[in-house]
Amino acid sequence: MYTGKHVKLRPLQPAFIMAGTGETVTYRELDARSNRLAHLFRQRGLKRLDHYSIFMENNSRYLEACGAGERSGLYYTCVNSYLTASELAYILTNSQSRILITSREKLDVAREALQECPQVELCIVADGQGESWPESDHIVGLQAATADMPHTPIADECVGTAMLYSSGTTGRPKGILRPLPELPADQNLPLFDFLVKIWQYREGMIYLSPAPLYHSAPQAAVNLTIKMGGTAIIMEKFDPEHYLSLVPKWGITHTQLVPTMFSRMLKLPEEARTRYDLSSLEIAIHAAAPCPAAVKDDIIKWWGPIIHEYYGATEGLGFTSCNSQEWLAHRGTVGRVLLGDLHILDENMQAVPVGTPGTVWFKTATPFEYFGDPAKTKEARSADGSMSTVGDVGYVDNDGFLYLTDRATFMIISGGVNIYPQECENLLITHPKIADAAVFGVPNPDLGEEVKAVVQPMPGVSPGADLAEELIAFCSQSLSRQKVPRSIDFEKELPRLPTGKLYKRLLRDRYWGNKTSRIV
């Protein structure tokens, strides 16, 4: 996030505030910190289009770690802070990162990963104080490393950007590389200008960020808040009641969430839900995962018609959006196309009729490639290279609104019938005894696959056969027989990231054992 002009207009205004500690960083301080780190990058030989990575939890040094790259023409990769050492090592190597910025909390994992990453020349501990590490480890504290660096801009400022990774639910994560034109650091890339308009960002806005900063949506949202001269309130981690309490405390005007956050707030006791004044909110945006219709109905009733939904992969293939009124008129939609050219195609790349599910393809709105992986890039594109997909399945209605039904990789074929499990997941999550749900296909010797549900009960709810029967009966009231789970298993907690994305593959693979194929 570039602070150049705002450091002159509003030097003492908070650029961001950490929600848990109240730590405040002004535009002047953020600008100085980012400049010092940019000078360090140049001193270490990083030039335009080089790569570095950031691996840490939400903390008060995260934004300068990003901002330094954005003003020095670099690609920076924000790595999922929940990854293991081997997963981190893969991304560091694949991204060709020369520097890793981490935190004391994540340093043990980082050090283990670095043993496999000889190309990483330096590890910077962002919140390191006076610690000293063996020189052979190439580890330094950020404050010590930048103490003698100028707080003014580097001589060759130019725009940089994030190179984020897909979350890897269908295999190894893939780095999403977009072309980076040689532009002044204060100039927005075209996609960001589009987002400012659709998200209704403005000068003086106060944005509440409840999600991890390594994820593409909060990364973009906080970035643009600061570019617009607003203030970002950054939660270290999401807690439903704490989130609600922050709205009146800071006069929050803008926010972006994922559906599981809505669900958790809706399940708070009535006293907690009505305790906080939410009237300052102007717009609440959600994306990242399909939102069950009943959950969205309830949140619109509670918060008013300020809920906006969008659909757009990190790859930037295209973008759909709808406001509350449009969604109420087209329940379940993720909106109409605002960016890109949408096509719904069958397995033979032929257009399907209106209302019929098929793979979602876009004539790409913004060019991209999977970094260092031409095979994966080719796999995501049509034969003629004119269209791209991330494998989502959906359909459009007569008014051109898009509805997502699932990812193609999780489609269930049972007795020759194609079943998209998202509908059952959306239903289960509305049950008052269920906190989270995953539905997928498991082997069945007769049908090929059968529908399996794995659910996370609410606190205090006992799992067991009685609850399983209750949930199957509940699903049978709303779903056709082939869509109803044949069995239900229970987990204390499903493997869902704070971003809202469910690692369904990790659950499903348990039931497929050592089979080399997931198709029967």
Protein backbone atom coordinates (compact mmCIF):
# COMPACT_ATOMS: atom_id res chain seq x y z
CA MET A 1 0.00 0.00 0.00
CA TYR A 2 1.47 3.29 -1.15
CA THR A 3 1.32 6.12 1.39
CA GLY A 4 3.29 8.77 -0.52
CA LYS A 5 0.65 11.48 -0.97
CA HIS A 6 -1.14 10.77 2.31
CA VAL A 7 1.98 11.22 4.40
CA LYS A 8 1.78 14.88 3.35
CA LEU A 9 -2.01 15.28 3.62
CA ARG A 10 -2.62 13.38 6.87
CA PRO A 11 0.71 12.48 8.50
CA LEU A 12 -0.73 11.95 12.01
CA GLN A 13 -3.92 10.13 11.00
CA PRO A 14 -3.87 6.43 11.86
CA ALA A 15 -3.21 4.36 8.77
CA PHE A 16 -4.17 1.29 10.78
CA ILE A 17 -4.97 0.19 14.32
CA MET A 18 -4.54 -3.31 15.71
CA ALA A 19 -7.91 -4.31 17.17
CA GLY A 20 -6.63 -6.43 20.03
CA THR A 21 -3.88 -4.20 21.41
CA GLY A 22 -4.96 -0.78 20.16
CA GLU A 23 -1.49 -0.24 18.68
CA THR A 24 -1.76 2.65 16.24
CA VAL A 25 0.52 3.37 13.28
CA THR A 26 0.17 6.75 11.56
CA TYR A 27 0.64 7.46 7.89
CA ARG A 28 3.95 9.15 8.68
CA GLU A 29 5.26 6.11 10.57
CA LEU A 30 4.01 3.57 8.02
CA ASP A 31 5.59 5.56 5.20
CA ALA A 32 8.92 5.78 7.01
CA ARG A 33 8.93 2.08 7.89
CA SER A 34 8.10 1.05 4.32
CA ASN A 35 10.81 3.32 2.91
CA ARG A 36 13.46 1.92 5.24
CA LEU A 37 12.60 -1.64 4.25
CA ALA A 38 12.61 -0.70 0.54
CA HIS A 39 16.14 0.67 0.99
CA LEU A 40 17.15 -2.63 2.63
CA PHE A 41 15.77 -4.54 -0.36
CA ARG A 42 17.89 -2.45 -2.72
CA GLN A 43 20.95 -2.83 -0.49
CA ARG A 44 20.50 -6.61 -0.67
CA GLY A 45 20.39 -6.44 -4.46
CA LEU A 46 16.66 -6.93 -5.08
CA LYS A 47 15.65 -5.19 -8.29
CA ARG A 48 12.33 -4.70 -10.08
CA LEU A 49 10.39 -7.97 -10.65
CA ASP A 50 12.38 -9.89 -8.04
CA HIS A 51 10.49 -11.89 -5.40
CA TYR A 52 10.26 -12.10 -1.62
CA SER A 53 7.78 -13.72 0.78
CA ILE A 54 5.95 -12.84 3.99
CA PHE A 55 5.03 -15.58 6.46
CA MET A 56 3.44 -14.33 9.66
CA GLU A 57 0.23 -13.82 11.58
CA ASN A 58 -1.68 -10.53 11.51
CA ASN A 59 0.56 -8.07 13.32
CA SER A 60 1.59 -4.43 13.26
CA ARG A 61 4.54 -5.01 10.89
CA TYR A 62 2.60 -6.81 8.17
CA LEU A 63 1.60 -3.77 6.14
CA GLU A 64 5.07 -2.27 5.88
CA ALA A 65 6.31 -5.67 4.72
CA CYS A 66 3.86 -5.40 1.83
CA GLY A 67 4.25 -1.66 1.31
CA ALA A 68 8.01 -1.84 0.79
CA GLY A 69 7.51 -4.19 -2.16
CA GLU A 70 4.77 -2.05 -3.63
CA ARG A 71 7.10 0.94 -3.88
CA SER A 72 10.14 -0.93 -5.15
CA GLY A 73 8.69 -2.85 -8.11
CA LEU A 74 8.86 -6.25 -6.44
CA TYR A 75 6.56 -9.26 -6.37
CA TYR A 76 5.75 -10.26 -2.80
CA THR A 77 4.05 -13.49 -1.75
CA CYS A 78 1.92 -13.47 1.39
CA VAL A 79 2.04 -17.07 2.59
CA ASN A 80 -0.75 -18.79 4.53
CA SER A 81 0.48 -18.53 8.13
CA TYR A 82 -0.95 -21.97 9.00
CA LEU A 83 1.28 -23.90 6.61
CA THR A 84 3.76 -26.50 7.75
CA ALA A 85 7.49 -26.11 7.20
CA SER A 86 7.49 -28.34 4.12
CA GLU A 87 4.53 -26.46 2.60
CA LEU A 88 6.25 -23.13 3.27
CA ALA A 89 9.48 -24.43 1.76
CA TYR A 90 7.64 -25.40 -1.42
CA ILE A 91 6.24 -21.88 -1.86
CA LEU A 92 9.55 -20.18 -1.04
CA THR A 93 11.31 -22.31 -3.63
CA ASN A 94 8.57 -22.13 -6.23
CA SER A 95 8.27 -18.33 -5.94
CA GLN A 96 12.06 -17.89 -6.20
CA SER A 97 11.92 -15.70 -3.09
CA ARG A 98 15.27 -14.22 -2.12
CA ILE A 99 14.12 -12.83 1.24
CA LEU A 100 11.64 -14.16 3.81
CA ILE A 101 9.94 -11.85 6.31
CA THR A 102 8.54 -13.71 9.31
CA SER A 103 7.69 -13.14 12.98
CA ARG A 104 8.87 -14.49 16.30
CA GLU A 105 5.69 -16.55 16.50
CA LYS A 106 6.40 -18.26 13.16
CA LEU A 107 10.19 -18.32 13.33
CA ASP A 108 10.54 -22.00 14.29
CA VAL A 109 8.50 -23.09 11.27
CA ALA A 110 10.38 -20.64 9.06
CA ARG A 111 13.80 -21.87 10.18
CA GLU A 112 12.83 -25.46 9.48
CA ALA A 113 11.58 -24.51 6.02
CA LEU A 114 14.71 -22.52 5.23
CA GLN A 115 16.82 -25.67 5.54
CA GLU A 116 15.27 -26.69 2.20
CA CYS A 117 15.58 -23.23 0.59
CA PRO A 118 19.19 -22.31 -0.17
CA GLN A 119 18.08 -19.55 -2.54
CA VAL A 120 16.67 -17.51 0.38
CA GLU A 121 19.51 -15.15 1.24
CA LEU A 122 18.02 -13.44 4.29
CA CYS A 123 15.31 -14.06 6.89
CA ILE A 124 13.95 -10.92 8.55
CA VAL A 125 12.07 -11.23 11.86
CA ALA A 126 9.59 -8.37 11.62
CA ASP A 127 8.91 -8.02 15.34
CA GLY A 128 12.39 -8.96 16.45
CA GLN A 129 13.81 -6.78 19.17
CA GLY A 130 17.28 -7.39 20.57
CA GLU A 131 17.53 -11.10 19.79
CA SER A 132 20.67 -12.39 18.13
CA TRP A 133 20.85 -15.46 15.91
CA PRO A 134 23.84 -17.38 14.57
CA GLU A 135 25.30 -15.51 11.63
CA SER A 136 25.16 -18.69 9.59
CA ASP A 137 21.35 -18.66 9.83
CA HIS A 138 21.12 -15.37 7.89
CA ILE A 139 18.43 -14.16 10.31
CA VAL A 140 18.13 -10.50 11.35
CA GLY A 141 15.61 -8.43 13.26
CA LEU A 142 13.74 -5.87 11.15
CA GLN A 143 14.41 -2.91 13.43
CA ALA A 144 18.12 -3.60 13.64
CA ALA A 145 18.43 -4.27 9.91
CA THR A 146 16.70 -1.03 8.90
CA ALA A 147 17.83 1.31 11.71
CA ASP A 148 20.43 3.04 9.52
CA MET A 149 18.28 3.13 6.39
CA PRO A 150 16.80 6.44 5.14
CA HIS A 151 13.12 7.06 5.88
CA THR A 152 12.75 8.82 2.51
CA PRO A 153 11.82 7.05 -0.77
CA ILE A 154 14.31 5.01 -2.78
CA ALA A 155 15.57 6.74 -5.93
CA ASP A 156 13.92 4.32 -8.36
CA GLU A 157 10.42 3.94 -6.91
CA CYS A 158 8.04 1.93 -9.10
CA VAL A 159 4.88 -0.03 -8.52
CA GLY A 160 5.07 -3.59 -7.17
CA THR A 161 2.33 -6.10 -6.42
CA ALA A 162 1.44 -9.33 -4.67
CA MET A 163 1.96 -12.73 -6.26
CA LEU A 164 -0.41 -14.82 -4.18
CA TYR A 165 -0.87 -18.58 -4.26
CA SER A 166 -4.01 -20.57 -4.78
CA SER A 167 -4.88 -22.43 -1.60
CA GLY A 168 -4.10 -25.80 -3.08
CA THR A 169 -7.38 -27.63 -2.44
CA THR A 170 -6.85 -29.58 -5.68
CA GLY A 171 -3.09 -30.11 -5.52
CA ARG A 172 0.06 -28.08 -4.99
CA PRO A 173 -0.54 -24.34 -4.55
CA LYS A 174 0.07 -22.28 -7.67
CA GLY A 175 1.60 -18.80 -7.78
CA ILE A 176 -0.67 -16.39 -9.64
CA LEU A 177 1.54 -14.02 -11.60
CA ARG A 178 0.12 -10.94 -13.28
CA PRO A 179 2.08 -8.67 -15.62
CA LEU A 180 3.64 -5.76 -13.76
CA PRO A 181 4.02 -2.68 -15.96
CA GLU A 182 6.76 -0.19 -15.13
CA LEU A 183 4.63 2.53 -13.51
CA PRO A 184 5.19 5.14 -10.80
CA ALA A 185 4.63 3.77 -7.30
CA ASP A 186 1.64 6.07 -6.70
CA GLN A 187 -0.29 4.73 -9.70
CA ASN A 188 -2.92 2.02 -9.19
CA LEU A 189 -2.98 -1.09 -11.32
CA PRO A 190 -6.21 -1.21 -13.39
CA LEU A 191 -7.86 -3.95 -11.32
CA PHE A 192 -7.51 -1.85 -8.15
CA ASP A 193 -9.25 1.12 -9.77
CA PHE A 194 -12.14 -1.18 -10.60
CA LEU A 195 -12.36 -2.49 -7.02
CA VAL A 196 -12.40 1.01 -5.53
CA LYS A 197 -15.55 1.78 -7.52
CA ILE A 198 -17.41 -1.47 -6.91
CA TRP A 199 -16.54 -1.60 -3.18
CA GLN A 200 -17.54 2.08 -2.76
CA TYR A 201 -14.29 3.07 -1.06
CA ARG A 202 -13.79 6.73 -0.21
CA GLU A 203 -11.53 9.14 1.59
CA GLY A 204 -11.96 8.99 5.36
CA MET A 205 -13.48 5.51 5.39
CA ILE A 206 -12.88 3.24 8.38
CA TYR A 207 -12.44 -0.38 7.35
CA LEU A 208 -12.73 -3.37 9.68
CA SER A 209 -10.60 -6.32 8.55
CA PRO A 210 -11.47 -9.58 10.35
CA ALA A 211 -9.52 -11.96 8.11
CA PRO A 212 -5.89 -13.02 7.66
CA LEU A 213 -3.81 -10.53 5.72
CA TYR A 214 -2.20 -13.29 3.65
CA HIS A 215 -5.46 -13.81 1.78
CA SER A 216 -6.18 -11.95 -1.47
CA ALA A 217 -9.44 -10.23 -0.44
CA PRO A 218 -8.29 -8.62 2.85
CA GLN A 219 -4.93 -7.95 1.23
CA ALA A 220 -6.62 -5.88 -1.48
CA ALA A 221 -9.17 -4.31 0.87
CA VAL A 222 -6.67 -3.02 3.43
CA ASN A 223 -4.33 -1.92 0.64
CA LEU A 224 -7.04 0.17 -1.02
CA THR A 225 -8.28 1.59 2.30
CA ILE A 226 -4.85 3.11 2.87
CA LYS A 227 -4.49 4.25 -0.73
CA MET A 228 -7.81 6.11 -0.30
CA GLY A 229 -6.63 7.80 2.91
CA GLY A 230 -8.82 5.77 5.25
CA THR A 231 -8.04 3.90 8.45
CA ALA A 232 -7.96 0.10 8.72
CA ILE A 233 -8.86 -1.67 11.97
CA ILE A 234 -7.09 -5.05 11.80
CA MET A 235 -8.26 -7.95 13.93
CA GLU A 236 -5.50 -10.32 14.95
CA LYS A 237 -8.06 -13.12 14.67
CA PHE A 238 -11.82 -13.28 14.21
CA ASP A 239 -14.15 -13.52 17.18
CA PRO A 240 -17.86 -12.91 16.48
CA GLU A 241 -18.74 -10.73 19.46
CA HIS A 242 -15.43 -8.86 19.40
CA TYR A 243 -16.11 -8.06 15.76
CA LEU A 244 -19.51 -6.59 16.61
CA SER A 245 -18.06 -4.55 19.46
CA LEU A 246 -15.49 -2.95 17.15
CA VAL A 247 -18.13 -1.44 14.84
CA PRO A 248 -19.41 1.21 17.28
CA LYS A 249 -16.02 1.56 19.00
CA TRP A 250 -14.34 2.84 15.84
CA GLY A 251 -17.33 3.95 13.75
CA ILE A 252 -16.69 1.31 11.11
CA THR A 253 -18.01 2.27 7.66
CA HIS A 254 -16.73 -0.57 5.44
CA THR A 255 -15.95 -4.24 6.02
CA GLN A 256 -15.48 -7.51 4.18
CA LEU A 257 -16.30 -10.95 5.58
CA VAL A 258 -16.83 -14.58 4.63
CA PRO A 259 -20.11 -16.48 5.14
CA THR A 260 -18.86 -18.50 8.12
CA MET A 261 -18.38 -15.21 9.98
CA PHE A 262 -22.01 -14.25 9.31
CA SER A 263 -23.11 -17.67 10.54
CA ARG A 264 -21.12 -17.42 13.77
CA MET A 265 -22.47 -13.96 14.54
CA LEU A 266 -26.02 -15.07 13.85
CA LYS A 267 -25.59 -17.91 16.35
CA LEU A 268 -24.56 -15.58 19.18
CA PRO A 269 -27.10 -15.23 22.00
CA GLU A 270 -29.76 -12.61 21.28
CA GLU A 271 -28.40 -10.38 24.03
CA ALA A 272 -24.96 -10.29 22.43
CA ARG A 273 -26.31 -9.70 18.92
CA THR A 274 -28.42 -6.70 19.95
CA ARG A 275 -25.87 -5.12 22.29
CA TYR A 276 -23.94 -3.23 19.62
CA ASP A 277 -24.94 -0.30 17.39
CA LEU A 278 -24.09 -1.17 13.78
CA SER A 279 -25.60 1.95 12.23
CA SER A 280 -22.24 3.37 11.06
CA LEU A 281 -21.83 0.52 8.54
CA GLU A 282 -22.26 1.69 4.95
CA ILE A 283 -21.32 -1.48 3.10
CA ALA A 284 -20.46 -5.05 4.08
CA ILE A 285 -18.96 -7.18 1.34
CA HIS A 286 -18.64 -10.94 1.31
CA ALA A 287 -17.06 -13.51 -0.95
CA ALA A 288 -14.56 -16.43 -0.82
CA ALA A 289 -17.20 -19.13 -0.29
CA PRO A 290 -20.87 -19.67 -1.19
CA CYS A 291 -23.25 -18.18 1.37
CA PRO A 292 -26.25 -20.32 2.39
CA ALA A 293 -29.42 -18.50 1.38
CA ALA A 294 -30.96 -18.73 4.86
CA VAL A 295 -27.82 -17.19 6.40
CA LYS A 296 -27.86 -14.34 3.90
CA ASP A 297 -31.55 -13.71 4.44
CA ASP A 298 -30.95 -13.38 8.16
CA ILE A 299 -27.92 -11.10 7.89
CA ILE A 300 -29.76 -8.73 5.53
CA LYS A 301 -32.70 -8.61 7.96
CA TRP A 302 -30.30 -7.83 10.80
CA TRP A 303 -27.86 -5.40 9.13
CA GLY A 304 -30.14 -3.98 6.46
CA PRO A 305 -29.63 -3.87 2.65
CA ILE A 306 -25.91 -3.04 2.90
CA ILE A 307 -24.71 -6.56 2.05
CA HIS A 308 -22.85 -6.85 -1.25
CA GLU A 309 -21.58 -10.11 -2.69
CA TYR A 310 -18.97 -10.72 -5.34
CA TYR A 311 -17.36 -13.67 -7.06
CA GLY A 312 -13.88 -13.45 -8.47
CA ALA A 313 -10.98 -15.87 -8.27
CA THR A 314 -7.54 -14.68 -7.21
CA GLU A 315 -6.51 -15.29 -10.82
CA GLY A 316 -8.63 -12.28 -11.81
CA LEU A 317 -10.41 -14.13 -14.63
CA GLY A 318 -13.62 -12.15 -14.19
CA PHE A 319 -15.80 -10.53 -11.60
CA THR A 320 -19.51 -10.72 -10.74
CA SER A 321 -21.35 -8.73 -8.10
CA CYS A 322 -24.79 -8.10 -6.65
CA ASN A 323 -26.23 -5.84 -3.97
CA SER A 324 -28.84 -6.87 -1.41
CA GLN A 325 -31.82 -5.93 -3.57
CA GLU A 326 -30.51 -7.88 -6.54
CA TRP A 327 -29.77 -10.89 -4.39
CA LEU A 328 -33.25 -10.87 -2.82
CA ALA A 329 -34.72 -10.87 -6.33
CA HIS A 330 -32.36 -13.68 -7.40
CA ARG A 331 -31.78 -15.71 -4.22
CA GLY A 332 -28.54 -17.66 -4.31
CA THR A 333 -26.85 -15.65 -7.04
CA VAL A 334 -23.28 -14.37 -6.89
CA GLY A 335 -24.21 -11.53 -9.22
CA ARG A 336 -23.95 -10.37 -12.79
CA VAL A 337 -20.72 -9.99 -14.71
CA LEU A 338 -18.99 -6.64 -14.30
CA LEU A 339 -15.54 -7.64 -15.55
CA GLY A 340 -14.66 -10.30 -18.11
CA ASP A 341 -16.80 -12.26 -20.56
CA LEU A 342 -18.65 -15.21 -18.95
CA HIS A 343 -19.38 -18.55 -20.62
CA ILE A 344 -20.99 -21.69 -19.13
CA LEU A 345 -19.75 -24.72 -21.08
CA ASP A 346 -20.14 -28.49 -20.98
CA GLU A 347 -17.29 -31.02 -21.10
CA ASN A 348 -17.17 -30.64 -24.90
CA MET A 349 -16.72 -26.87 -24.58
CA GLN A 350 -20.22 -26.25 -25.88
CA ALA A 351 -22.52 -23.65 -24.35
CA VAL A 352 -25.23 -25.12 -22.11
CA PRO A 353 -28.81 -23.83 -21.95
CA VAL A 354 -29.82 -21.16 -19.47
CA GLY A 355 -30.35 -22.73 -16.05
CA THR A 356 -28.13 -25.75 -16.78
CA PRO A 357 -24.93 -26.18 -14.73
CA GLY A 358 -21.61 -26.26 -16.52
CA THR A 359 -18.01 -25.19 -16.01
CA VAL A 360 -17.58 -21.44 -15.51
CA TRP A 361 -15.20 -19.97 -18.11
CA PHE A 362 -14.17 -16.37 -18.67
CA LYS A 363 -12.52 -14.63 -21.55
CA THR A 364 -9.92 -13.39 -19.15
CA ALA A 365 -10.39 -9.88 -17.80
CA THR A 366 -6.81 -9.54 -16.59
CA PRO A 367 -3.94 -11.66 -17.93
CA PHE A 368 -2.23 -14.10 -15.56
CA GLU A 369 -0.10 -17.21 -15.53
CA TYR A 370 0.83 -19.77 -12.90
CA PHE A 371 4.38 -18.86 -12.01
CA GLY A 372 6.92 -21.32 -13.34
CA ASP A 373 4.20 -23.81 -14.31
CA PRO A 374 3.25 -23.55 -17.99
CA ALA A 375 1.49 -26.93 -17.80
CA LYS A 376 -0.91 -25.72 -15.08
CA THR A 377 -1.41 -22.46 -16.97
CA LYS A 378 -2.31 -24.39 -20.11
CA GLU A 379 -4.61 -26.69 -18.13
CA ALA A 380 -6.60 -23.67 -16.89
CA ARG A 381 -7.11 -22.34 -20.41
CA SER A 382 -9.22 -23.38 -23.34
CA ALA A 383 -7.54 -25.06 -26.30
CA ASP A 384 -7.36 -21.81 -28.24
CA GLY A 385 -6.07 -19.92 -25.18
CA SER A 386 -8.89 -17.38 -25.26
CA MET A 387 -10.66 -18.47 -22.05
CA SER A 388 -9.68 -19.59 -18.54
CA THR A 389 -11.33 -21.42 -15.64
CA VAL A 390 -10.57 -22.39 -12.06
CA GLY A 391 -12.97 -25.34 -12.31
CA ASP A 392 -16.03 -23.82 -10.67
CA VAL A 393 -19.44 -25.14 -11.71
CA GLY A 394 -22.49 -22.91 -12.10
CA TYR A 395 -25.30 -21.64 -14.29
CA VAL A 396 -26.91 -18.36 -15.31
CA ASP A 397 -30.58 -17.43 -15.18
CA ASN A 398 -32.64 -15.56 -17.75
CA ASP A 399 -31.50 -12.20 -16.33
CA GLY A 400 -27.83 -13.06 -16.61
CA PHE A 401 -27.20 -13.70 -12.90
CA LEU A 402 -24.62 -16.36 -12.11
CA TYR A 403 -25.22 -19.13 -9.55
CA LEU A 404 -22.39 -21.38 -8.35
CA THR A 405 -23.15 -25.00 -7.58
CA ASP A 406 -19.71 -26.39 -6.72
CA ARG A 407 -16.15 -26.96 -7.79
CA ALA A 408 -15.97 -29.58 -10.49
CA THR A 409 -13.50 -31.60 -8.44
CA PHE A 410 -16.12 -32.25 -5.73
CA MET A 411 -19.00 -33.23 -7.98
CA ILE A 412 -20.51 -36.57 -6.86
CA ILE A 413 -21.63 -39.12 -9.45
CA SER A 414 -23.99 -41.54 -7.73
CA GLY A 415 -25.85 -44.09 -9.80
CA GLY A 416 -25.17 -41.97 -12.88
CA VAL A 417 -26.64 -38.84 -11.29
CA ASN A 418 -24.46 -35.73 -10.98
CA ILE A 419 -24.78 -34.25 -7.48
CA TYR A 420 -23.27 -30.91 -6.48
CA PRO A 421 -22.86 -31.09 -2.66
CA GLN A 422 -22.90 -27.33 -2.01
CA GLU A 423 -26.69 -27.35 -1.73
CA CYS A 424 -26.61 -29.89 1.11
CA GLU A 425 -23.77 -28.05 2.87
CA ASN A 426 -25.74 -24.81 2.72
CA LEU A 427 -28.72 -26.55 4.27
CA LEU A 428 -26.82 -28.30 7.07
CA ILE A 429 -25.14 -25.10 8.23
CA THR A 430 -28.55 -23.58 8.95
CA HIS A 431 -29.40 -26.30 11.49
CA PRO A 432 -29.16 -24.82 15.00
CA LYS A 433 -27.03 -27.72 16.28
CA ILE A 434 -24.42 -27.48 13.51
CA ALA A 435 -21.46 -25.08 13.42
CA ASP A 436 -19.93 -26.24 10.13
CA ALA A 437 -20.47 -28.87 7.45
CA ALA A 438 -18.73 -30.58 4.54
CA VAL A 439 -20.41 -32.84 1.98
CA PHE A 440 -18.59 -34.98 -0.59
CA GLY A 441 -18.68 -38.33 -2.33
CA VAL A 442 -17.30 -41.55 -0.84
CA PRO A 443 -16.99 -44.97 -2.49
CA ASN A 444 -20.12 -47.11 -2.76
CA PRO A 445 -19.83 -50.60 -4.32
CA ASP A 446 -23.27 -50.34 -5.94
CA LEU A 447 -23.67 -46.68 -6.89
CA GLY A 448 -20.04 -45.77 -7.46
CA GLU A 449 -20.25 -42.94 -4.93
CA GLU A 450 -22.62 -42.02 -2.16
CA VAL A 451 -23.15 -38.74 -0.37
CA LYS A 452 -21.28 -38.34 2.91
CA ALA A 453 -21.61 -35.43 5.34
CA VAL A 454 -19.04 -34.57 8.00
CA VAL A 455 -20.28 -31.98 10.46
CA GLN A 456 -19.01 -29.94 13.39
CA PRO A 457 -21.62 -29.73 16.17
CA MET A 458 -22.23 -26.51 18.08
CA PRO A 459 -20.58 -26.28 21.52
CA GLY A 460 -22.47 -28.38 24.05
CA VAL A 461 -24.16 -30.55 21.40
CA SER A 462 -23.39 -34.26 21.72
CA PRO A 463 -22.56 -36.10 18.48
CA GLY A 464 -23.95 -39.55 17.88
CA ALA A 465 -26.51 -41.68 16.10
CA ASP A 466 -29.50 -39.66 17.32
CA LEU A 467 -28.10 -36.41 15.96
CA ALA A 468 -27.15 -38.09 12.69
CA GLU A 469 -30.73 -39.34 12.24
CA GLU A 470 -32.08 -35.89 13.06
CA LEU A 471 -29.85 -34.27 10.44
CA ILE A 472 -30.71 -36.80 7.73
CA ALA A 473 -34.41 -36.22 8.42
CA PHE A 474 -33.78 -32.47 8.32
CA CYS A 475 -32.11 -32.74 4.91
CA SER A 476 -34.88 -35.01 3.60
CA GLN A 477 -37.41 -32.25 4.17
CA SER A 478 -35.70 -29.99 1.60
CA LEU A 479 -33.57 -32.14 -0.71
CA SER A 480 -34.32 -34.89 -3.19
CA ARG A 481 -33.39 -38.37 -1.99
CA GLN A 482 -30.17 -38.70 -3.99
CA LYS A 483 -28.83 -35.45 -2.49
CA VAL A 484 -29.44 -36.48 1.12
CA PRO A 485 -26.38 -37.84 2.97
CA ARG A 486 -26.53 -41.58 3.47
CA SER A 487 -24.39 -41.21 6.57
CA ILE A 488 -23.04 -38.46 8.79
CA ASP A 489 -19.78 -38.39 10.69
CA PHE A 490 -18.69 -35.88 13.31
CA GLU A 491 -15.54 -33.85 13.83
CA LYS A 492 -14.64 -31.54 16.68
CA GLU A 493 -13.57 -28.94 14.11
CA LEU A 494 -13.49 -28.99 10.33
CA PRO A 495 -10.28 -28.00 8.53
CA ARG A 496 -11.51 -24.57 7.48
CA LEU A 497 -9.01 -21.73 7.12
CA PRO A 498 -9.73 -18.33 8.70
CA THR A 499 -10.32 -17.09 5.15
CA GLY A 500 -13.45 -19.24 5.05
CA LYS A 501 -12.10 -21.82 2.62
CA LEU A 502 -12.80 -25.43 3.60
CA TYR A 503 -10.05 -27.95 2.96
CA LYS A 504 -12.61 -30.56 1.96
CA ARG A 505 -9.97 -32.65 0.22
CA LEU A 506 -8.35 -33.46 3.56
CA LEU A 507 -11.64 -34.93 4.80
CA ARG A 508 -12.60 -36.69 1.60
CA ASP A 509 -9.24 -38.37 1.11
CA ARG A 510 -9.64 -40.29 4.38
CA TYR A 511 -12.54 -42.20 2.87
CA TRP A 512 -10.76 -43.03 -0.40
CA GLY A 513 -7.69 -44.57 1.20
CA ASN A 514 -4.85 -45.38 -1.19
CA LYS A 515 -6.93 -45.29 -4.36
CA THR A 516 -5.11 -43.43 -7.12
CA SER A 517 -8.37 -42.17 -8.58
CA ARG A 518 -11.29 -40.37 -7.01
CA ILE A 519 -13.57 -41.45 -9.89
CA VAL A 520 -15.41 -44.77 -9.76
